[in-house]
């Protein structure tokens, strides 16, 4: 299997939009473009900032299963990560990924009620490179 370092490198160098998937309130699968993650903890946790009022947050609160897809168009490779999502609203987590430019989206800053963090816990995935693909599991 491709090393986990290769997969982490692909994710960290990814400058394109990330696709996040969830099951909506009607039971339908939805893919949503997101900005790149704000933080990663190895290949175990990925953190995104988002709006508390968004449809994906409402859906994750009911069904916490999701997936993320990262692509490296230059080398025609990508990784699909599957796991669970927690919606976090505590000050410490929000402050951990806050960036200076976020104030333009969240007028009240870190304490804005429409600002939250999605913590994606990876359980397994699939790495794609050209015509090859490999499944992997995170222990």
Protein backbone atom coordinates (compact mmCIF):
# COMPACT_ATOMS: atom_id res chain seq x y z
CA UNK A 1 0.00 0.00 0.00
CA UNK A 2 1.03 3.59 -0.60
CA UNK A 3 2.50 5.08 2.55
CA UNK A 4 0.32 7.21 4.78
CA UNK A 5 2.93 9.97 4.42
CA UNK A 6 2.22 10.08 0.67
CA UNK A 7 -1.50 10.48 1.35
CA UNK A 8 -0.94 13.18 3.99
CA UNK A 9 1.37 15.01 1.57
CA UNK A 10 -1.29 14.90 -1.16
CA UNK A 11 -3.85 16.41 1.25
CA UNK A 12 -1.55 19.09 2.66
CA UNK A 13 -0.38 20.26 -0.76
CA UNK A 14 -3.92 20.27 -2.15
CA UNK A 15 -4.84 23.82 -3.14
CA UNK A 16 -8.03 22.96 -4.98
CA UNK A 17 -11.50 22.67 -3.57
CA UNK A 18 -12.30 19.64 -1.48
CA UNK A 19 -15.48 17.63 -1.95
CA UNK A 20 -17.32 16.74 1.25
CA UNK A 21 -20.20 14.27 1.16
CA UNK A 22 -23.08 13.73 3.54
CA UNK A 23 -26.61 12.34 3.63
CA UNK A 24 -29.20 15.13 3.63
CA UNK A 25 -32.36 15.31 5.73
CA UNK A 26 -34.30 13.46 3.00
CA UNK A 27 -31.80 10.58 2.88
CA UNK A 28 -30.13 11.71 -0.36
CA UNK A 29 -26.36 11.79 -0.85
CA UNK A 30 -24.94 15.30 -1.36
CA UNK A 31 -21.46 16.47 -2.42
CA UNK A 32 -20.41 19.94 -1.35
CA UNK A 33 -17.36 21.93 -2.34
CA UNK A 34 -15.38 23.20 0.65
CA UNK A 35 -12.23 25.18 1.18
CA UNK A 36 -9.18 23.15 2.15
CA UNK A 37 -8.99 21.92 5.75
CA UNK A 38 -7.84 24.30 8.45
CA UNK A 39 -5.96 21.63 10.40
CA UNK A 40 -5.00 17.99 10.21
CA UNK A 41 -3.91 15.65 12.96
CA UNK A 42 -1.96 13.08 10.98
CA UNK A 43 -4.32 10.93 8.95
CA UNK A 44 -6.79 10.63 11.79
CA UNK A 45 -8.61 13.99 12.11
CA UNK A 46 -9.36 16.75 9.62
CA UNK A 47 -10.87 20.08 10.72
CA UNK A 48 -12.97 22.44 8.59
CA UNK A 49 -14.65 25.74 9.42
CA UNK A 50 -18.24 26.23 8.29
CA UNK A 51 -21.58 27.84 9.05
CA UNK A 52 -23.65 26.36 11.84
CA UNK A 53 -26.77 27.20 9.80
CA UNK A 54 -25.64 25.17 6.75
CA UNK A 55 -27.53 22.15 5.46
CA UNK A 56 -24.49 19.91 5.93
CA UNK A 57 -24.30 20.77 9.63
CA UNK A 58 -28.02 20.05 10.08
CA UNK A 59 -27.50 16.73 8.31
CA UNK A 60 -24.34 15.74 10.23
CA UNK A 61 -26.19 16.31 13.50
CA UNK A 62 -28.64 13.57 12.45
CA UNK A 63 -26.30 11.25 10.48
CA UNK A 64 -22.64 11.77 11.28
CA UNK A 65 -21.27 9.61 8.45
CA UNK A 66 -19.41 11.39 5.69
CA UNK A 67 -16.56 11.36 3.21
CA UNK A 68 -13.97 13.77 1.87
CA UNK A 69 -12.23 13.64 -1.48
CA UNK A 70 -8.90 15.31 -2.28
CA UNK A 71 -7.50 15.41 -5.80
CA UNK A 72 -4.09 16.14 -7.27
CA UNK A 73 -4.98 17.00 -10.86
CA UNK A 74 -1.36 17.40 -11.90
CA UNK A 75 -0.48 13.76 -11.23
CA UNK A 76 -4.01 12.37 -11.66
CA UNK A 77 -4.25 10.95 -8.17
CA UNK A 78 -6.60 11.38 -5.25
CA UNK A 79 -7.76 10.04 -1.95
CA UNK A 80 -11.24 9.33 -0.64
CA UNK A 81 -11.53 9.40 3.15
CA UNK A 82 -14.50 7.89 4.97
CA UNK A 83 -15.47 8.41 8.56
CA UNK A 84 -17.62 10.35 10.99
CA UNK A 85 -18.15 14.05 11.57
CA UNK A 86 -18.60 15.95 14.81
CA UNK A 87 -20.02 19.48 14.82
CA UNK A 88 -18.03 21.42 17.43
CA UNK A 89 -19.03 24.80 18.82
CA UNK A 90 -16.78 25.12 21.88
CA UNK A 91 -14.54 28.18 22.07
CA UNK A 92 -11.24 26.26 22.27
CA UNK A 93 -11.83 24.28 19.07
CA UNK A 94 -13.14 27.31 17.18
CA UNK A 95 -10.13 29.37 18.31
CA UNK A 96 -7.75 26.57 17.28
CA UNK A 97 -8.61 26.95 13.57
CA UNK A 98 -9.66 30.63 13.48
CA UNK A 99 -7.87 32.77 10.86
CA UNK A 100 -7.64 36.57 10.67
CA UNK A 101 -9.78 36.82 7.52
CA UNK A 102 -12.67 34.89 9.10
CA UNK A 103 -14.05 38.07 10.67
CA UNK A 104 -15.52 39.10 7.30
CA UNK A 105 -17.76 35.98 7.40
CA UNK A 106 -18.42 35.93 11.13
CA UNK A 107 -19.04 39.47 12.43
CA UNK A 108 -18.93 38.42 16.07
CA UNK A 109 -15.59 36.65 15.63
CA UNK A 110 -14.89 33.33 17.30
CA UNK A 111 -18.05 33.69 19.40
CA UNK A 112 -20.32 34.08 16.37
CA UNK A 113 -23.14 31.56 16.71
CA UNK A 114 -23.01 30.80 12.96
CA UNK A 115 -19.35 29.73 13.15
CA UNK A 116 -18.55 26.09 13.94
CA UNK A 117 -15.95 23.43 13.28
CA UNK A 118 -16.41 20.10 11.54
CA UNK A 119 -14.08 17.47 13.00
CA UNK A 120 -13.81 14.60 10.55
CA UNK A 121 -12.52 11.36 12.08
CA UNK A 122 -11.12 9.09 9.38
CA UNK A 123 -11.76 5.36 9.67
CA UNK A 124 -10.66 4.19 6.22
CA UNK A 125 -10.18 5.30 2.65
CA UNK A 126 -9.10 4.59 -0.88
CA UNK A 127 -6.03 6.00 -2.61
CA UNK A 128 -6.15 6.48 -6.40
CA UNK A 129 -3.12 6.96 -8.66
CA UNK A 130 -3.46 6.83 -12.44
CA UNK A 131 -5.02 3.42 -13.08
CA UNK A 132 -4.27 1.90 -9.65
CA UNK A 133 -6.21 2.13 -6.41
CA UNK A 134 -5.70 0.78 -2.92
CA UNK A 135 -7.93 0.56 0.15
CA UNK A 136 -6.52 1.39 3.56
CA UNK A 137 -7.74 1.42 7.15
CA UNK A 138 -6.82 3.81 9.94
CA UNK A 139 -6.24 2.07 13.26
